């Protein structure tokens, strides 16, 4: 979205004198929390049924020897070795895509690249799943080409998407292959079909075979094949602009080192920090002191962020090598208190997808409050479909909707002149920022509990509800008072980071 379409902020955060104190408290708190995770991990006794394995940490393994590694996180334990094995495909893509596009005419390059990419995908994801993907893409394409109704296009896609997310065993013995490839290819088919339903994005795609080939070229462009969601018009814009750009090799090399460093750090940390294994071990989890218990929730969120820095970052690296323009990496969850920002700036591609194809069509043309509420509910229903209609996901989405409506209600309230003028008369901007920092704690807490369910599952979410919400918060005991006080400093830290970023963007 261009800057001209962005709304002016309702309130410009001012600087406050206690900012250094807020940063210091936040840093000390985070350091103590990681120390708590380490203590809990070193006291953890691995037993039958826990997900651990003996291995050497990468690079430092000769010094440490074999250590127990936490492999509880199913996604990371599957993705990391798969991505290493998939590197030859990315490297081959980089050579074929850049040399082929430079040396061959488009009518030869596009089919050569497309079918080569499909062949590589068939090797890694099985020919059967590629056939399933192509079949669903063909159905969506034909529906859009001949029926030309948005609702019908969605109806042709959603049942298959539901099947792939909920009946995975009927398609493959390895759900990872379906979640990584089949579901993402469906979003590409939908984006292409909705964008070209009435007219082709490119004038030269003037026949159905040409349009179908272009859809496959877009879908099977390797860096955007999985993990990264890029809408079709953005893909074509990047393809058109890449020949005019100079490849920044220093940026690419530095980016590669960053991805490699975080990858190494993640693999190494799992040999010392066993937070996910602990969270799945209910007897040990409930026996921990409250400070160590709460610290595990922090580690769970930070691990999730770093995991997706790498999962999104690896294909982004090869897109940069192609002189393409992938979306920025996910926002660091440490500096977020309002979870509407997480939705906008974590999985940016998914957010843009449901905003453009679901939320805006529902809200247009009036963007009235009832339409916005309905648009939010339908958008989150799609996200729920995308992740699966399971209890922990339902709680996660429900709490996120509650937090978002709290934010929306507060912003609507402040748009009333009487409220704004009353505030300006009785509160300075600095004191109003301090009040907002306290108020941020409410949606932030709701967002935290939602993430405990989403990232840890129903049992982990219930443990946090029992051990902190019921035992400490409702009873207003000192751990709750300590946490909300630390939350105030953390909220001001997050606000200050946003304020500094806003100032930098104005001067850029």
Foldseek 3Di string as FASTA:
>chain_A
DDPVPDDDDLFFFDDDPCLVVLVVLLVVLLVVLVVLLLVLQVPDDDDPPFAWDWDAQPPCRVVVPTFIFHPLQPLCVVVVVLVVVCVVVLVVLLCLVQVLVVPDPPVPSLVVSLVVLLVSLCVSLNPQLSVVLVVLLVQLQVCLQPVVDLVVSCVSQLVVLLCLQPVVVVRDPDNSSSLFARNQLSLLSSLLSNVPSPHHPDPVCPDSVSSSSVSSSVCSSPLSVGLAADGPVLVVVQVVCQVVDDQDVVVLVVLVVVLVVLSSVLSNVSSRRNLLSQLVVVVSLVPDDPSSNVSSLVVLLQSVLSSQQNVNSPSVSSCSSSSGDGDDAADGPLLDLQCVVNLCGHNPNLSVSLVVSQLVVQCPPPVDPVSNLVSLVVSLVVVCSSNDVDDLSVLLSVLNSVSVVVVVVVVVVCVDPVNVVVCVVPDPSNVVVLVVLLVSNVSSVSNSLSVLCVRNNDSSSVVCCVPDVVPDVVVVDPVVVVVSVSSSSSSSNSSVVVSVVVVVVVVD
